């Protein structure tokens, strides 16, 4: 959802490490309601350090959406509140350790969802 906080221009994305940008199907939405409406009101899960359910204990389904917030502050509380506690998850971490960076966290969670769905578009 907008604003992104970074530029999607191809040259800058390659420099930032997204080598496979040409394979990504990116859509921008001005707000959550537009996203829900255009995507058919999918189940939405949110990553948060305060989530009760570990990411790997969710039974992912095709069409699910996963939200990640900025590394420095996470997702806004009002957004987490609208999703509800049953739609938040956490990545188990050692107590008092730093969180994973955003790209590692996203990779971990997305690949778990894809694994549960037998990697539908990868093999």
Protein backbone atom coordinates (compact mmCIF):
# COMPACT_ATOMS: atom_id res chain seq x y z
CA UNK A 1 0.00 0.00 0.00
CA UNK A 2 1.10 3.47 -0.67
CA UNK A 3 3.22 5.29 0.24
CA UNK A 4 5.95 2.67 -0.08
CA UNK A 5 8.93 4.42 1.43
CA UNK A 6 11.15 3.29 -1.46
CA UNK A 7 11.33 3.67 -5.24
CA UNK A 8 10.30 0.83 -7.58
CA UNK A 9 12.33 2.19 -10.52
CA UNK A 10 14.19 -0.79 -12.05
CA UNK A 11 17.77 0.54 -11.76
CA UNK A 12 17.33 1.30 -8.06
CA UNK A 13 15.66 -2.04 -7.39
CA UNK A 14 18.55 -3.95 -9.01
CA UNK A 15 21.04 -1.96 -6.95
CA UNK A 16 19.09 -2.85 -3.80
CA UNK A 17 19.43 -6.55 -4.59
CA UNK A 18 16.17 -7.47 -6.31
CA UNK A 19 17.82 -9.32 -9.19
CA UNK A 20 14.61 -11.01 -10.24
CA UNK A 21 12.43 -7.89 -10.52
CA UNK A 22 11.37 -8.82 -14.05
CA UNK A 23 9.67 -11.96 -12.68
CA UNK A 24 7.75 -10.11 -9.97
CA UNK A 25 4.14 -9.17 -10.59
CA UNK A 26 3.82 -5.96 -8.58
CA UNK A 27 0.54 -4.12 -7.95
CA UNK A 28 0.22 -0.94 -5.91
CA UNK A 29 -2.88 -0.13 -3.89
CA UNK A 30 -3.63 3.25 -2.32
CA UNK A 31 -5.16 1.65 0.79
CA UNK A 32 -6.27 -1.60 2.40
CA UNK A 33 -9.86 -1.28 1.22
CA UNK A 34 -8.76 -1.00 -2.42
CA UNK A 35 -6.56 -4.05 -1.98
CA UNK A 36 -9.38 -6.11 -0.44
CA UNK A 37 -11.85 -5.07 -3.11
CA UNK A 38 -9.55 -5.78 -6.06
CA UNK A 39 -8.24 -9.07 -4.65
CA UNK A 40 -11.61 -10.54 -3.64
CA UNK A 41 -11.27 -9.96 0.11
CA UNK A 42 -8.44 -12.44 0.81
CA UNK A 43 -7.39 -13.68 4.23
CA UNK A 44 -4.73 -11.25 5.41
CA UNK A 45 -2.03 -12.16 7.92
CA UNK A 46 0.39 -9.68 9.48
CA UNK A 47 3.90 -10.17 10.79
CA UNK A 48 4.44 -8.60 14.21
CA UNK A 49 6.75 -9.24 17.13
CA UNK A 50 3.62 -9.32 19.30
CA UNK A 51 1.87 -12.02 17.29
CA UNK A 52 0.84 -15.06 19.27
CA UNK A 53 1.03 -17.70 16.54
CA UNK A 54 4.37 -18.75 15.06
CA UNK A 55 4.39 -18.25 11.26
CA UNK A 56 4.82 -21.96 10.54
CA UNK A 57 1.69 -22.94 12.49
CA UNK A 58 -0.65 -21.09 10.14
CA UNK A 59 -2.38 -23.24 7.52
CA UNK A 60 -1.84 -21.09 4.45
CA UNK A 61 -4.24 -21.21 1.53
CA UNK A 62 -3.94 -20.04 -2.07
CA UNK A 63 -4.87 -16.38 -2.26
CA UNK A 64 -3.75 -15.48 1.27
CA UNK A 65 -1.95 -12.15 1.70
CA UNK A 66 0.88 -11.46 4.12
CA UNK A 67 1.74 -7.99 5.41
CA UNK A 68 5.14 -6.88 6.65
CA UNK A 69 5.85 -3.45 8.07
CA UNK A 70 8.98 -1.32 8.18
CA UNK A 71 11.92 -2.87 10.04
CA UNK A 72 12.19 0.10 12.37
CA UNK A 73 8.64 0.21 13.67
CA UNK A 74 6.54 -2.62 12.21
CA UNK A 75 2.93 -2.31 11.14
CA UNK A 76 0.70 0.39 12.67
CA UNK A 77 -1.32 -0.78 15.67
CA UNK A 78 -4.61 0.36 14.12
CA UNK A 79 -3.98 -1.95 11.16
CA UNK A 80 -3.16 -4.89 13.44
CA UNK A 81 -6.34 -4.15 15.42
CA UNK A 82 -8.49 -4.27 12.28
CA UNK A 83 -7.06 -7.66 11.32
CA UNK A 84 -7.55 -9.15 14.78
CA UNK A 85 -5.28 -11.32 16.92
CA UNK A 86 -6.08 -14.45 14.92
CA UNK A 87 -4.49 -12.93 11.83
CA UNK A 88 -1.15 -11.92 13.31
CA UNK A 89 1.92 -14.09 13.57
CA UNK A 90 5.48 -13.92 14.78
CA UNK A 91 8.79 -15.43 13.82
CA UNK A 92 10.17 -17.26 16.88
CA UNK A 93 13.32 -15.51 18.09
CA UNK A 94 15.67 -15.86 21.02
CA UNK A 95 14.59 -13.59 23.89
CA UNK A 96 16.20 -10.12 23.75
CA UNK A 97 17.65 -10.74 20.28
CA UNK A 98 17.20 -8.41 17.35
CA UNK A 99 14.54 -9.22 14.79
CA UNK A 100 15.46 -10.54 11.37
CA UNK A 101 15.75 -7.92 8.66
CA UNK A 102 12.70 -7.47 6.45
CA UNK A 103 13.95 -9.40 3.42
CA UNK A 104 14.94 -12.43 5.52
CA UNK A 105 11.65 -12.37 7.43
CA UNK A 106 9.62 -12.13 4.22
CA UNK A 107 11.60 -14.93 2.57
CA UNK A 108 11.13 -17.22 5.56
CA UNK A 109 7.38 -16.71 5.78
CA UNK A 110 6.59 -16.67 2.07
CA UNK A 111 8.54 -19.86 1.43
CA UNK A 112 6.74 -21.59 4.29
CA UNK A 113 3.42 -20.67 2.67
CA UNK A 114 4.65 -21.87 -0.71
CA UNK A 115 5.96 -25.10 0.84
CA UNK A 116 2.58 -25.82 2.39
CA UNK A 117 0.96 -25.30 -1.02
CA UNK A 118 3.56 -27.56 -2.72
CA UNK A 119 5.31 -24.64 -4.49
CA UNK A 120 2.47 -24.09 -6.97
CA UNK A 121 4.24 -21.72 -9.37
CA UNK A 122 7.87 -22.65 -8.79
CA UNK A 123 8.20 -26.19 -10.09
